[in-house]
């Protein structure tokens, strides 16, 4: 839903949606980003960054998606990843506990420590790749080996391979 509100900085045209065609020569000139448009995440992040900056938040040098605002004895943190937002601070009491963010499971121990784990993410990735029952094995690689395009075999489903590698 948030992606609908991003302002586009460049001209983007699309075909008329089905049911709205009045003339096959006409196209739509988008002024706002719509979900699924490749410009949408960037334009939404720019608008959100501008809004947070106008509210007194500043992004950190180490991570441009982490915004911090400090005043008096209160510090607020806003962490953004695509369409996931994590808001926390030292005086927030009305928010729910963190469970998952960006594939990371968060759990609190009895002594107040925070444990972060990607176990569920890894299990889902193994399930997706069909490797749930696989056993880990050391893989030794000869450093002087030269790989060429002709020596390799193709994958049955290259898009699945790209998806799994992208997930790593």
Foldseek 3Di string as FASTA:
>chain_A
DLLQAFFDPDWDWAADPPPPDPDRPDIDTDGGGDPPDPCRLVRSQVVVLVVVVVVAWAADPVDRQWTWHDDDHKIWIWGDDRHDIDIDIDPDDPDDDAADDPQWGWDADPVGDIDIDNVVVVCVLCVLVVNNVPDDDDDDDDPPDDDDPVPDDDDPDVVSVVVSVVSD
